[in-house]
Amino acid sequence: MRLLILVCQLGLIFQADAQVPEECVTSETNRAPENSDILVDCGTEYVDLAIYICPVYQALYNETLMVLNNQLNKPECFGKADWTVTPPVLKFRFPINETSLSFCGNIYKISTQVGSGEFADFSNVQFVNISGIITSIDPSAGMITYRPQILYKFSCNYPMQYLLNNTQLGVSGVNVAIRDNNGSFISTLSMQLYQDAEYLNVLTIPNTGLNLKTKIYVAVKATNLTDRFNLMLDRCYATTSPYPMLTTYYDLFVGCERDAQTVVEHNGVSQNAHFSFEAFRFVEHKNLTVSTFFLHCATRLCEASTCSSLLPDCTGSQSRRRREAEDVPTNTTITSPPIIVGKKSAGA
């Protein structure tokens, strides 16, 4: 009789240890863990991770035994079970900021890759890779265990030329740029037009327009950055529309190709970029009293220590060219207020 009771007690212990939640009984994920059980969402504000939780129970673990990067003493690095979705998942979320990322011990690497899209014709673009693991904690106290080790790897790659407003990412304790299709990077930039080479007096444009060949000084400034990053302008061009998506546009400078009257004074060496050009009119406005156009600058960030190597080598002479505008997404540019130019020449 005692033996029977002991066997029953042992059976209850093992049943409790491996008990499968009711939500998993009919789930298609009620099976052994697989590498594909992790879902990764590399967002602009958060990194969201989700793993199917039923395989975790199948492997004799539960939500309290799965943690980011073995950070056992940090509650914020454990996930939360969501039994309301099908199939049920264990969710991990950490915001893209220095504190949360460093707490959970993720690995960060800055790499340089060949530019694509808007930057395909220019120097390489830097990326930040965030990677880590979700691993199981084996509670077995003895020398052996019957639980398999569970380990899920994740990785997110972010281009450095986009900055998420008011966000700091801990890459060796510095800020980093994150792509945001809603244009948060634009909100961290400012473009101001000046009338003097010292960039002290803001340019005031009368309703009658500036005179032709009036010198216009342009300053683009980035905010919310540490001194580890500089601002770089790869391209500035003018269109007759406030939107940069036109068939053609006039380039003031594209890499080494520059309009004859454009002077790039300060670029890639600080968090401010300066250049100047002379007021002009679009030929299509020849019958209008004033010509109105907008200035657009494609902007990115670079590490201060590597900016000089990313700047184009402009020792040779190259001619300006027209370019198609399809590869210039609006969320990567900053646009000036309307620039109005009359028919009179400067000094007339």
C-alpha atoms as a PDB file:
ATOM      1  CA  MET A   1       0.000   0.000   0.000  1.00  0.00           C
ATOM      2  CA  ARG A   2       2.848   2.395   0.917  1.00  0.00           C
ATOM      3  CA  LEU A   3       4.517   1.639  -2.444  1.00  0.00           C
ATOM      4  CA  LEU A   4       1.306   2.461  -4.288  1.00  0.00           C
ATOM      5  CA  ILE A   5       0.952   5.782  -2.444  1.00  0.00           C
ATOM      6  CA  LEU A   6       4.604   6.636  -3.189  1.00  0.00           C
ATOM      7  CA  VAL A   7       4.142   5.883  -6.888  1.00  0.00           C
ATOM      8  CA  CYS A   8       1.021   8.063  -6.987  1.00  0.00           C
ATOM      9  CA  GLN A   9       2.865  10.921  -5.252  1.00  0.00           C
ATOM     10  CA  LEU A  10       5.765  10.706  -7.704  1.00  0.00           C
ATOM     11  CA  GLY A  11       3.312  10.720 -10.578  1.00  0.00           C
ATOM     12  CA  LEU A  12       1.667  13.874  -9.264  1.00  0.00           C
ATOM     13  CA  ILE A  13       5.066  15.565  -8.909  1.00  0.00           C
ATOM     14  CA  PHE A  14       6.076  14.824 -12.504  1.00  0.00           C
ATOM     15  CA  GLN A  15       2.614  15.762 -13.782  1.00  0.00           C
ATOM     16  CA  ALA A  16       2.798  19.142 -12.019  1.00  0.00           C
ATOM     17  CA  ASP A  17       6.328  19.715 -13.291  1.00  0.00           C
ATOM     18  CA  ALA A  18       5.313  19.136 -16.907  1.00  0.00           C
ATOM     19  CA  GLN A  19       1.747  20.419 -16.717  1.00  0.00           C
ATOM     20  CA  VAL A  20       0.652  22.015 -19.991  1.00  0.00           C
ATOM     21  CA  PRO A  21      -1.634  25.059 -19.652  1.00  0.00           C
ATOM     22  CA  GLU A  22      -5.163  24.690 -20.982  1.00  0.00           C
ATOM     23  CA  GLU A  23      -4.492  27.221 -23.760  1.00  0.00           C
ATOM     24  CA  CYS A  24      -1.745  24.950 -25.115  1.00  0.00           C
ATOM     25  CA  VAL A  25      -3.709  21.717 -25.186  1.00  0.00           C
ATOM     26  CA  THR A  26      -5.297  22.455 -28.573  1.00  0.00           C
ATOM     27  CA  SER A  27      -2.603  24.812 -29.871  1.00  0.00           C
ATOM     28  CA  GLU A  28      -0.681  23.856 -33.004  1.00  0.00           C
ATOM     29  CA  THR A  29       2.458  24.998 -31.167  1.00  0.00           C
ATOM     30  CA  ASN A  30       2.030  22.371 -28.450  1.00  0.00           C
ATOM     31  CA  ARG A  31       5.248  20.656 -29.485  1.00  0.00           C
ATOM     32  CA  ALA A  32       8.993  20.681 -28.897  1.00  0.00           C
ATOM     33  CA  PRO A  33      10.808  24.050 -29.353  1.00  0.00           C
ATOM     34  CA  GLU A  34      12.070  25.053 -32.800  1.00  0.00           C
ATOM     35  CA  ASN A  35      14.463  27.794 -33.886  1.00  0.00           C
ATOM     36  CA  SER A  36      11.649  29.501 -35.794  1.00  0.00           C
ATOM     37  CA  ASP A  37       9.585  29.987 -32.631  1.00  0.00           C
ATOM     38  CA  ILE A  38      10.843  33.561 -32.143  1.00  0.00           C
ATOM     39  CA  LEU A  39       9.280  36.636 -33.788  1.00  0.00           C
ATOM     40  CA  VAL A  40      11.377  39.830 -33.908  1.00  0.00           C
ATOM     41  CA  ASP A  41      10.013  43.326 -34.572  1.00  0.00           C
ATOM     42  CA  CYS A  42      12.783  45.931 -34.939  1.00  0.00           C
ATOM     43  CA  GLY A  43      10.675  49.024 -34.374  1.00  0.00           C
ATOM     44  CA  THR A  44      11.581  52.697 -34.299  1.00  0.00           C
ATOM     45  CA  GLU A  45      10.772  53.065 -30.591  1.00  0.00           C
ATOM     46  CA  TYR A  46      10.940  49.518 -29.249  1.00  0.00           C
ATOM     47  CA  VAL A  47      12.416  46.137 -30.034  1.00  0.00           C
ATOM     48  CA  ASP A  48       9.631  43.587 -29.564  1.00  0.00           C
ATOM     49  CA  LEU A  49      10.369  39.890 -29.190  1.00  0.00           C
ATOM     50  CA  ALA A  50       7.810  37.108 -28.947  1.00  0.00           C
ATOM     51  CA  ILE A  51       8.366  33.373 -28.593  1.00  0.00           C
ATOM     52  CA  TYR A  52       5.732  30.665 -28.697  1.00  0.00           C
ATOM     53  CA  ILE A  53       5.182  29.740 -25.065  1.00  0.00           C
ATOM     54  CA  CYS A  54       3.644  26.272 -25.515  1.00  0.00           C
ATOM     55  CA  PRO A  55       6.957  24.722 -26.684  1.00  0.00           C
ATOM     56  CA  VAL A  56       8.542  26.247 -23.578  1.00  0.00           C
ATOM     57  CA  TYR A  57       6.120  24.253 -21.401  1.00  0.00           C
ATOM     58  CA  GLN A  58       6.703  21.171 -23.540  1.00  0.00           C
ATOM     59  CA  ALA A  59      10.406  21.444 -22.653  1.00  0.00           C
ATOM     60  CA  LEU A  60       9.483  21.544 -18.922  1.00  0.00           C
ATOM     61  CA  TYR A  61      10.014  25.302 -18.498  1.00  0.00           C
ATOM     62  CA  ASN A  62       7.624  28.215 -18.000  1.00  0.00           C
ATOM     63  CA  GLU A  63       7.616  32.012 -18.435  1.00  0.00           C
ATOM     64  CA  THR A  64       9.551  32.578 -15.214  1.00  0.00           C
ATOM     65  CA  LEU A  65      12.450  30.520 -16.556  1.00  0.00           C
ATOM     66  CA  MET A  66      13.091  32.440 -19.823  1.00  0.00           C
ATOM     67  CA  VAL A  67      15.306  35.524 -19.721  1.00  0.00           C
ATOM     68  CA  LEU A  68      17.245  37.926 -21.953  1.00  0.00           C
ATOM     69  CA  ASN A  69      21.007  37.347 -22.086  1.00  0.00           C
ATOM     70  CA  ASN A  70      21.106  35.436 -18.768  1.00  0.00           C
ATOM     71  CA  GLN A  71      20.314  38.609 -16.821  1.00  0.00           C
ATOM     72  CA  LEU A  72      18.838  36.635 -13.937  1.00  0.00           C
ATOM     73  CA  ASN A  73      18.811  39.431 -11.365  1.00  0.00           C
ATOM     74  CA  LYS A  74      16.995  41.990 -13.514  1.00  0.00           C
ATOM     75  CA  PRO A  75      13.194  41.638 -13.572  1.00  0.00           C
ATOM     76  CA  GLU A  76      12.928  43.921 -16.615  1.00  0.00           C
ATOM     77  CA  CYS A  77      14.778  41.297 -18.680  1.00  0.00           C
ATOM     78  CA  PHE A  78      12.086  38.645 -18.184  1.00  0.00           C
ATOM     79  CA  GLY A  79       9.102  38.316 -20.506  1.00  0.00           C
ATOM     80  CA  LYS A  80       5.355  38.416 -19.952  1.00  0.00           C
ATOM     81  CA  ALA A  81       3.043  35.643 -21.075  1.00  0.00           C
ATOM     82  CA  ASP A  82       0.158  36.608 -23.351  1.00  0.00           C
ATOM     83  CA  TRP A  83      -2.502  33.899 -23.297  1.00  0.00           C
ATOM     84  CA  THR A  84      -5.064  36.028 -25.163  1.00  0.00           C
ATOM     85  CA  VAL A  85      -3.450  35.568 -28.579  1.00  0.00           C
ATOM     86  CA  THR A  86      -3.378  32.505 -30.802  1.00  0.00           C
ATOM     87  CA  PRO A  87      -0.955  30.884 -30.470  1.00  0.00           C
ATOM     88  CA  PRO A  88       0.042  32.067 -26.963  1.00  0.00           C
ATOM     89  CA  VAL A  89       3.390  33.847 -26.752  1.00  0.00           C
ATOM     90  CA  LEU A  90       5.935  35.087 -24.247  1.00  0.00           C
ATOM     91  CA  LYS A  91       6.670  38.752 -24.995  1.00  0.00           C
ATOM     92  CA  PHE A  92       9.808  40.777 -24.374  1.00  0.00           C
ATOM     93  CA  ARG A  93       9.979  44.514 -25.061  1.00  0.00           C
ATOM     94  CA  PHE A  94      12.710  47.049 -24.480  1.00  0.00           C
ATOM     95  CA  PRO A  95      12.697  50.651 -25.677  1.00  0.00           C
ATOM     96  CA  ILE A  96      15.502  51.941 -27.856  1.00  0.00           C
ATOM     97  CA  ASN A  97      17.218  53.898 -25.120  1.00  0.00           C
ATOM     98  CA  GLU A  98      20.540  53.675 -23.391  1.00  0.00           C
ATOM     99  CA  THR A  99      19.264  52.557 -19.987  1.00  0.00           C
ATOM    100  CA  SER A 100      17.064  49.642 -20.992  1.00  0.00           C
ATOM    101  CA  LEU A 101      19.438  48.278 -23.579  1.00  0.00           C
ATOM    102  CA  SER A 102      22.455  48.282 -21.285  1.00  0.00           C
ATOM    103  CA  PHE A 103      20.421  46.662 -18.484  1.00  0.00           C
ATOM    104  CA  CYS A 104      19.675  43.554 -20.530  1.00  0.00           C
ATOM    105  CA  GLY A 105      23.224  43.116 -21.789  1.00  0.00           C
ATOM    106  CA  ASN A 106      22.643  43.191 -25.545  1.00  0.00           C
ATOM    107  CA  ILE A 107      25.610  43.344 -27.916  1.00  0.00           C
ATOM    108  CA  TYR A 108      26.133  46.373 -30.158  1.00  0.00           C
ATOM    109  CA  LYS A 109      28.307  46.603 -33.236  1.00  0.00           C
ATOM    110  CA  ILE A 110      28.771  49.532 -35.608  1.00  0.00           C
ATOM    111  CA  SER A 111      29.489  48.492 -39.186  1.00  0.00           C
ATOM    112  CA  THR A 112      29.951  50.241 -42.514  1.00  0.00           C
ATOM    113  CA  GLN A 113      27.993  48.959 -45.483  1.00  0.00           C
ATOM    114  CA  VAL A 114      27.639  49.973 -49.105  1.00  0.00           C
ATOM    115  CA  GLY A 115      25.091  52.761 -49.435  1.00  0.00           C
ATOM    116  CA  SER A 116      21.781  51.969 -51.120  1.00  0.00           C
ATOM    117  CA  GLY A 117      18.693  53.877 -52.181  1.00  0.00           C
ATOM    118  CA  GLU A 118      19.260  57.589 -51.670  1.00  0.00           C
ATOM    119  CA  PHE A 119      22.902  57.019 -50.719  1.00  0.00           C
ATOM    120  CA  ALA A 120      23.721  54.476 -53.446  1.00  0.00           C
ATOM    121  CA  ASP A 121      26.013  56.876 -55.305  1.00  0.00           C
ATOM    122  CA  PHE A 122      27.936  58.047 -52.278  1.00  0.00           C
ATOM    123  CA  SER A 123      30.187  56.911 -49.491  1.00  0.00           C
ATOM    124  CA  ASN A 124      29.366  53.911 -47.337  1.00  0.00           C
ATOM    125  CA  VAL A 125      26.614  54.096 -44.737  1.00  0.00           C
ATOM    126  CA  GLN A 126      27.118  53.093 -41.112  1.00  0.00           C
ATOM    127  CA  PHE A 127      24.727  50.747 -39.321  1.00  0.00           C
ATOM    128  CA  VAL A 128      24.232  49.718 -35.701  1.00  0.00           C
ATOM    129  CA  ASN A 129      23.435  46.071 -35.014  1.00  0.00           C
ATOM    130  CA  ILE A 130      21.717  45.070 -31.763  1.00  0.00           C
ATOM    131  CA  SER A 131      21.810  41.368 -30.954  1.00  0.00           C
ATOM    132  CA  GLY A 132      21.203  39.049 -28.032  1.00  0.00           C
ATOM    133  CA  ILE A 133      19.597  35.804 -26.894  1.00  0.00           C
ATOM    134  CA  ILE A 134      16.596  34.568 -24.971  1.00  0.00           C
ATOM    135  CA  THR A 135      17.647  31.531 -23.009  1.00  0.00           C
ATOM    136  CA  SER A 136      16.138  29.114 -20.507  1.00  0.00           C
ATOM    137  CA  ILE A 137      17.070  28.824 -16.829  1.00  0.00           C
ATOM    138  CA  ASP A 138      17.321  25.228 -15.685  1.00  0.00           C
ATOM    139  CA  PRO A 139      16.053  24.980 -12.067  1.00  0.00           C
ATOM    140  CA  SER A 140      17.438  21.457 -11.593  1.00  0.00           C
ATOM    141  CA  ALA A 141      19.422  21.301  -8.383  1.00  0.00           C
ATOM    142  CA  GLY A 142      21.225  18.043  -9.003  1.00  0.00           C
ATOM    143  CA  MET A 143      24.130  17.052 -11.212  1.00  0.00           C
ATOM    144  CA  ILE A 144      21.934  15.996 -14.121  1.00  0.00           C
ATOM    145  CA  THR A 145      18.843  17.355 -15.865  1.00  0.00           C
ATOM    146  CA  TYR A 146      16.220  16.041 -18.269  1.00  0.00           C
ATOM    147  CA  ARG A 147      15.358  19.487 -19.597  1.00  0.00           C
ATOM    148  CA  PRO A 148      16.736  20.533 -23.008  1.00  0.00           C
ATOM    149  CA  GLN A 149      18.449  23.934 -23.208  1.00  0.00           C
ATOM    150  CA  ILE A 150      16.339  26.498 -25.084  1.00  0.00           C
ATOM    151  CA  LEU A 151      18.120  29.367 -26.836  1.00  0.00           C
ATOM    152  CA  TYR A 152      16.661  31.881 -29.287  1.00  0.00           C
ATOM    153  CA  LYS A 153      18.868  34.443 -31.032  1.00  0.00           C
ATOM    154  CA  PHE A 154      17.695  37.844 -32.265  1.00  0.00           C
ATOM    155  CA  SER A 155      19.271  40.710 -34.176  1.00  0.00           C
ATOM    156  CA  CYS A 156      18.188  44.167 -35.373  1.00  0.00           C
ATOM    157  CA  ASN A 157      20.096  46.325 -37.861  1.00  0.00           C
ATOM    158  CA  TYR A 158      19.498  50.081 -37.841  1.00  0.00           C
ATOM    159  CA  PRO A 159      20.891  52.616 -40.344  1.00  0.00           C
ATOM    160  CA  MET A 160      22.700  55.397 -38.537  1.00  0.00           C
ATOM    161  CA  GLN A 161      21.480  58.191 -40.787  1.00  0.00           C
ATOM    162  CA  TYR A 162      18.055  58.316 -39.146  1.00  0.00           C
ATOM    163  CA  LEU A 163      17.623  59.695 -35.658  1.00  0.00           C
ATOM    164  CA  LEU A 164      14.650  58.888 -33.481  1.00  0.00           C
ATOM    165  CA  ASN A 165      13.671  62.074 -31.667  1.00  0.00           C
ATOM    166  CA  ASN A 166      14.566  62.206 -27.962  1.00  0.00           C
ATOM    167  CA  THR A 167      16.017  58.706 -28.073  1.00  0.00           C
ATOM    168  CA  GLN A 168      19.412  57.589 -26.869  1.00  0.00           C
ATOM    169  CA  LEU A 169      20.781  54.181 -27.716  1.00  0.00           C
ATOM    170  CA  GLY A 170      23.639  52.794 -25.654  1.00  0.00           C
ATOM    171  CA  VAL A 171      26.343  51.926 -28.125  1.00  0.00           C
ATOM    172  CA  SER A 172      29.387  52.294 -25.936  1.00  0.00           C
ATOM    173  CA  GLY A 173      27.530  55.075 -24.188  1.00  0.00           C
ATOM    174  CA  VAL A 174      26.728  57.186 -27.254  1.00  0.00           C
ATOM    175  CA  ASN A 175      23.660  58.199 -29.215  1.00  0.00           C
ATOM    176  CA  VAL A 176      22.744  56.441 -32.393  1.00  0.00           C
ATOM    177  CA  ALA A 177      20.437  56.997 -35.333  1.00  0.00           C
ATOM    178  CA  ILE A 178      17.285  55.013 -35.914  1.00  0.00           C
ATOM    179  CA  ARG A 179      15.138  55.023 -39.023  1.00  0.00           C
ATOM    180  CA  ASP A 180      11.648  56.379 -38.454  1.00  0.00           C
ATOM    181  CA  ASN A 181       9.261  56.499 -41.413  1.00  0.00           C
ATOM    182  CA  ASN A 182       7.129  59.055 -39.599  1.00  0.00           C
ATOM    183  CA  GLY A 183       9.886  61.617 -39.969  1.00  0.00           C
ATOM    184  CA  SER A 184      11.149  61.878 -36.384  1.00  0.00           C
ATOM    185  CA  PHE A 185      14.613  62.539 -37.748  1.00  0.00           C
ATOM    186  CA  ILE A 186      13.328  65.679 -39.433  1.00  0.00           C
ATOM    187  CA  SER A 187      12.055  66.978 -36.100  1.00  0.00           C
ATOM    188  CA  THR A 188      15.596  66.860 -34.715  1.00  0.00           C
ATOM    189  CA  LEU A 189      16.931  68.963 -37.595  1.00  0.00           C
ATOM    190  CA  SER A 190      16.664  72.653 -38.349  1.00  0.00           C
ATOM    191  CA  MET A 191      17.486  74.553 -41.511  1.00  0.00           C
ATOM    192  CA  GLN A 192      18.000  78.313 -41.305  1.00  0.00           C
ATOM    193  CA  LEU A 193      18.829  80.812 -44.040  1.00  0.00           C
ATOM    194  CA  TYR A 194      21.216  83.683 -43.258  1.00  0.00           C
ATOM    195  CA  GLN A 195      22.335  86.803 -45.052  1.00  0.00           C
ATOM    196  CA  ASP A 196      25.897  86.928 -43.750  1.00  0.00           C
ATOM    197  CA  ALA A 197      28.927  84.640 -43.799  1.00  0.00           C
ATOM    198  CA  GLU A 198      29.068  84.675 -39.985  1.00  0.00           C
ATOM    199  CA  TYR A 199      25.603  83.084 -39.822  1.00  0.00           C
ATOM    200  CA  LEU A 200      24.397  85.703 -37.365  1.00  0.00           C
ATOM    201  CA  ASN A 201      21.648  87.553 -39.244  1.00  0.00           C
ATOM    202  CA  VAL A 202      18.653  85.566 -40.398  1.00  0.00           C
ATOM    203  CA  LEU A 203      17.716  86.165 -44.018  1.00  0.00           C
ATOM    204  CA  THR A 204      14.455  88.068 -44.500  1.00  0.00           C
ATOM    205  CA  ILE A 205      12.849  87.541 -47.880  1.00  0.00           C
ATOM    206  CA  PRO A 206      10.529  90.337 -49.064  1.00  0.00           C
ATOM    207  CA  ASN A 207       7.323  89.614 -50.954  1.00  0.00           C
ATOM    208  CA  THR A 208       8.930  91.095 -54.060  1.00  0.00           C
ATOM    209  CA  GLY A 209      11.669  88.479 -53.790  1.00  0.00           C
ATOM    210  CA  LEU A 210      15.432  88.524 -53.402  1.00  0.00           C
ATOM    211  CA  ASN A 211      17.541  90.004 -56.139  1.00  0.00           C
ATOM    212  CA  LEU A 212      19.236  87.569 -58.483  1.00  0.00           C
ATOM    213  CA  LYS A 213      22.702  86.452 -57.364  1.00  0.00           C
ATOM    214  CA  THR A 214      21.998  87.453 -53.751  1.00  0.00           C
ATOM    215  CA  LYS A 215      24.244  85.336 -51.549  1.00  0.00           C
ATOM    216  CA  ILE A 216      22.222  82.922 -49.393  1.00  0.00           C
ATOM    217  CA  TYR A 217      23.932  81.192 -46.471  1.00  0.00           C
ATOM    218  CA  VAL A 218      22.386  77.920 -45.308  1.00  0.00           C
ATOM    219  CA  ALA A 219      22.867  76.300 -41.897  1.00  0.00           C
ATOM    220  CA  VAL A 220      21.578  72.802 -41.071  1.00  0.00           C
ATOM    221  CA  LYS A 221      21.788  71.789 -37.424  1.00  0.00           C
ATOM    222  CA  ALA A 222      21.143  68.486 -35.638  1.00  0.00           C
ATOM    223  CA  THR A 223      20.007  68.324 -32.010  1.00  0.00           C
ATOM    224  CA  ASN A 224      19.842  65.617 -29.331  1.00  0.00           C
ATOM    225  CA  LEU A 225      23.270  64.257 -30.239  1.00  0.00           C
ATOM    226  CA  THR A 226      26.371  63.596 -28.185  1.00  0.00           C
ATOM    227  CA  ASP A 227      29.718  64.820 -29.474  1.00  0.00           C
ATOM    228  CA  ARG A 228      30.441  61.339 -30.817  1.00  0.00           C
ATOM    229  CA  PHE A 229      28.345  62.065 -33.920  1.00  0.00           C
ATOM    230  CA  ASN A 230      28.555  64.651 -36.679  1.00  0.00           C
ATOM    231  CA  LEU A 231      26.079  65.841 -39.274  1.00  0.00           C
ATOM    232  CA  MET A 232      26.743  65.204 -42.970  1.00  0.00           C
ATOM    233  CA  LEU A 233      24.939  66.540 -46.025  1.00  0.00           C
ATOM    234  CA  ASP A 234      25.226  64.232 -49.005  1.00  0.00           C
ATOM    235  CA  ARG A 235      22.982  66.201 -51.319  1.00  0.00           C
ATOM    236  CA  CYS A 236      21.160  69.523 -51.481  1.00  0.00           C
ATOM    237  CA  TYR A 237      18.878  70.464 -54.354  1.00  0.00           C
ATOM    238  CA  ALA A 238      16.071  72.851 -55.264  1.00  0.00           C
ATOM    239  CA  THR A 239      12.560  72.182 -56.558  1.00  0.00           C
ATOM    240  CA  THR A 240       9.608  74.416 -57.395  1.00  0.00           C
ATOM    241  CA  SER A 241       7.471  72.357 -55.016  1.00  0.00           C
ATOM    242  CA  PRO A 242       7.758  72.040 -51.235  1.00  0.00           C
ATOM    243  CA  TYR A 243       7.904  68.273 -51.831  1.00  0.00           C
ATOM    244  CA  PRO A 244      11.105  66.668 -53.127  1.00  0.00           C
ATOM    245  CA  MET A 245       9.336  64.078 -55.296  1.00  0.00           C
ATOM    246  CA  LEU A 246       9.502  65.607 -58.769  1.00  0.00           C
ATOM    247  CA  THR A 247      10.700  64.247 -62.094  1.00  0.00           C
ATOM    248  CA  THR A 248      13.771  66.504 -62.093  1.00  0.00           C
ATOM    249  CA  TYR A 249      15.348  68.989 -59.752  1.00  0.00           C
ATOM    250  CA  TYR A 250      18.347  71.289 -59.707  1.00  0.00           C
ATOM    251  CA  ASP A 251      21.305  70.073 -57.675  1.00  0.00           C
ATOM    252  CA  LEU A 252      23.305  72.577 -55.683  1.00  0.00           C
ATOM    253  CA  PHE A 253      25.682  69.782 -54.767  1.00  0.00           C
ATOM    254  CA  VAL A 254      25.674  65.986 -54.967  1.00  0.00           C
ATOM    255  CA  GLY A 255      28.841  64.571 -53.466  1.00  0.00           C
ATOM    256  CA  CYS A 256      31.612  66.265 -55.443  1.00  0.00           C
ATOM    257  CA  GLU A 257      29.329  67.604 -58.157  1.00  0.00           C
ATOM    258  CA  ARG A 258      28.486  71.232 -57.365  1.00  0.00           C
ATOM    259  CA  ASP A 259      26.798  74.190 -58.941  1.00  0.00           C
ATOM    260  CA  ALA A 260      29.432  76.763 -59.885  1.00  0.00           C
ATOM    261  CA  GLN A 261      28.066  79.291 -57.389  1.00  0.00           C
ATOM    262  CA  THR A 262      27.721  76.846 -54.487  1.00  0.00           C
ATOM    263  CA  VAL A 263      30.354  76.726 -51.747  1.00  0.00           C
ATOM    264  CA  VAL A 264      30.274  73.986 -49.108  1.00  0.00           C
ATOM    265  CA  GLU A 265      31.994  75.501 -46.106  1.00  0.00           C
ATOM    266  CA  HIS A 266      31.325  73.127 -43.243  1.00  0.00           C
ATOM    267  CA  ASN A 267      30.204  69.512 -43.612  1.00  0.00           C
ATOM    268  CA  GLY A 268      30.766  66.335 -41.621  1.00  0.00           C
ATOM    269  CA  VAL A 269      32.995  67.991 -39.017  1.00  0.00           C
ATOM    270  CA  SER A 270      30.429  68.935 -36.357  1.00  0.00           C
ATOM    271  CA  GLN A 271      26.710  68.885 -35.681  1.00  0.00           C
ATOM    272  CA  ASN A 272      26.292  71.901 -37.961  1.00  0.00           C
ATOM    273  CA  ALA A 273      26.666  72.031 -41.740  1.00  0.00           C
ATOM    274  CA  HIS A 274      27.134  75.297 -43.650  1.00  0.00           C
ATOM    275  CA  PHE A 275      27.047  76.106 -47.345  1.00  0.00           C
ATOM    276  CA  SER A 276      26.148  79.072 -49.537  1.00  0.00           C
ATOM    277  CA  PHE A 277      24.747  79.683 -53.013  1.00  0.00           C
ATOM    278  CA  GLU A 278      23.506  82.594 -55.113  1.00  0.00           C
ATOM    279  CA  ALA A 279      19.818  83.285 -55.680  1.00  0.00           C
ATOM    280  CA  PHE A 280      18.539  82.129 -59.068  1.00  0.00           C
ATOM    281  CA  ARG A 281      15.264  81.707 -60.918  1.00  0.00           C
ATOM    282  CA  PHE A 282      13.775  78.616 -62.534  1.00  0.00           C
ATOM    283  CA  VAL A 283      13.401  79.054 -66.285  1.00  0.00           C
ATOM    284  CA  GLU A 284       9.842  77.725 -66.120  1.00  0.00           C
ATOM    285  CA  HIS A 285       8.990  80.889 -64.141  1.00  0.00           C
ATOM    286  CA  LYS A 286      10.281  83.257 -66.820  1.00  0.00           C
ATOM    287  CA  ASN A 287       6.840  84.813 -67.303  1.00  0.00           C
ATOM    288  CA  LEU A 288       6.221  85.244 -63.567  1.00  0.00           C
ATOM    289  CA  THR A 289       7.118  88.257 -61.477  1.00  0.00           C
ATOM    290  CA  VAL A 290       8.856  86.093 -58.911  1.00  0.00           C
ATOM    291  CA  SER A 291      10.284  82.587 -58.943  1.00  0.00           C
ATOM    292  CA  THR A 292       9.568  80.515 -55.828  1.00  0.00           C
ATOM    293  CA  PHE A 293      11.518  77.394 -54.989  1.00  0.00           C
ATOM    294  CA  PHE A 294      12.385  75.194 -52.006  1.00  0.00           C
ATOM    295  CA  LEU A 295      15.721  73.844 -50.852  1.00  0.00           C
ATOM    296  CA  HIS A 296      15.990  70.171 -49.793  1.00  0.00           C
ATOM    297  CA  CYS A 297      18.988  68.527 -48.113  1.00  0.00           C
ATOM    298  CA  ALA A 298      19.492  64.765 -47.719  1.00  0.00           C
ATOM    299  CA  THR A 299      21.040  64.367 -44.293  1.00  0.00           C
ATOM    300  CA  ARG A 300      22.698  61.620 -42.314  1.00  0.00           C
ATOM    301  CA  LEU A 301      24.937  61.075 -39.291  1.00  0.00           C
ATOM    302  CA  CYS A 302      28.442  59.702 -39.010  1.00  0.00           C
ATOM    303  CA  GLU A 303      30.774  58.861 -36.159  1.00  0.00           C
ATOM    304  CA  ALA A 304      33.108  61.803 -35.611  1.00  0.00           C
ATOM    305  CA  SER A 305      36.166  59.579 -35.878  1.00  0.00           C
ATOM    306  CA  THR A 306      35.163  58.228 -39.289  1.00  0.00           C
ATOM    307  CA  CYS A 307      33.399  61.178 -40.946  1.00  0.00           C
ATOM    308  CA  SER A 308      36.499  62.274 -42.837  1.00  0.00           C
ATOM    309  CA  SER A 309      36.769  58.876 -44.522  1.00  0.00           C
ATOM    310  CA  LEU A 310      33.109  59.016 -45.571  1.00  0.00           C
ATOM    311  CA  LEU A 311      33.340  62.435 -47.231  1.00  0.00           C
ATOM    312  CA  PRO A 312      33.827  62.274 -51.018  1.00  0.00           C
ATOM    313  CA  ASP A 313      37.248  63.037 -52.479  1.00  0.00           C
ATOM    314  CA  CYS A 314      36.666  66.184 -54.517  1.00  0.00           C
ATOM    315  CA  THR A 315      40.210  66.804 -55.747  1.00  0.00           C
ATOM    316  CA  GLY A 316      39.143  66.236 -59.358  1.00  0.00           C
ATOM    317  CA  SER A 317      36.714  68.384 -61.311  1.00  0.00           C
ATOM    318  CA  GLN A 318      33.325  66.876 -62.056  1.00  0.00           C
ATOM    319  CA  SER A 319      30.326  68.403 -63.768  1.00  0.00           C
ATOM    320  CA  ARG A 320      26.907  68.758 -62.268  1.00  0.00           C
ATOM    321  CA  ARG A 321      24.197  66.452 -63.570  1.00  0.00           C
ATOM    322  CA  ARG A 322      20.462  66.053 -63.397  1.00  0.00           C
ATOM    323  CA  ARG A 323      19.097  63.062 -61.510  1.00  0.00           C
ATOM    324  CA  GLU A 324      15.827  61.238 -61.322  1.00  0.00           C
ATOM    325  CA  ALA A 325      13.986  61.858 -58.062  1.00  0.00           C
ATOM    326  CA  GLU A 326      12.334  58.486 -57.487  1.00  0.00           C
ATOM    327  CA  ASP A 327      15.074  57.404 -55.067  1.00  0.00           C
ATOM    328  CA  VAL A 328      14.744  60.443 -52.795  1.00  0.00           C
ATOM    329  CA  PRO A 329      12.280  59.476 -50.031  1.00  0.00           C
ATOM    330  CA  THR A 330      10.791  62.506 -48.306  1.00  0.00           C
ATOM    331  CA  ASN A 331      11.428  61.211 -44.800  1.00  0.00           C
ATOM    332  CA  THR A 332      15.214  61.564 -45.199  1.00  0.00           C
ATOM    333  CA  THR A 333      15.312  65.216 -46.223  1.00  0.00           C
ATOM    334  CA  ILE A 334      14.876  68.550 -44.538  1.00  0.00           C
ATOM    335  CA  THR A 335      13.197  71.349 -46.486  1.00  0.00           C
ATOM    336  CA  SER A 336      13.592  75.120 -46.318  1.00  0.00           C
ATOM    337  CA  PRO A 337      10.830  77.725 -46.216  1.00  0.00           C
ATOM    338  CA  PRO A 338       9.922  79.142 -49.659  1.00  0.00           C
ATOM    339  CA  ILE A 339      12.734  81.094 -51.301  1.00  0.00           C
ATOM    340  CA  ILE A 340      11.367  83.895 -53.492  1.00  0.00           C
ATOM    341  CA  VAL A 341      13.545  85.520 -56.150  1.00  0.00           C
ATOM    342  CA  GLY A 342      12.603  88.519 -58.290  1.00  0.00           C
ATOM    343  CA  LYS A 343      13.886  89.604 -61.706  1.00  0.00           C
ATOM    344  CA  LYS A 344      16.387  92.214 -60.549  1.00  0.00           C
ATOM    345  CA  SER A 345      20.071  91.485 -60.205  1.00  0.00           C
ATOM    346  CA  ALA A 346      21.891  92.116 -56.945  1.00  0.00           C
ATOM    347  CA  GLY A 347      23.166  95.693 -56.828  1.00  0.00           C
ATOM    348  CA  ALA A 348      20.698  96.853 -59.481  1.00  0.00           C
END
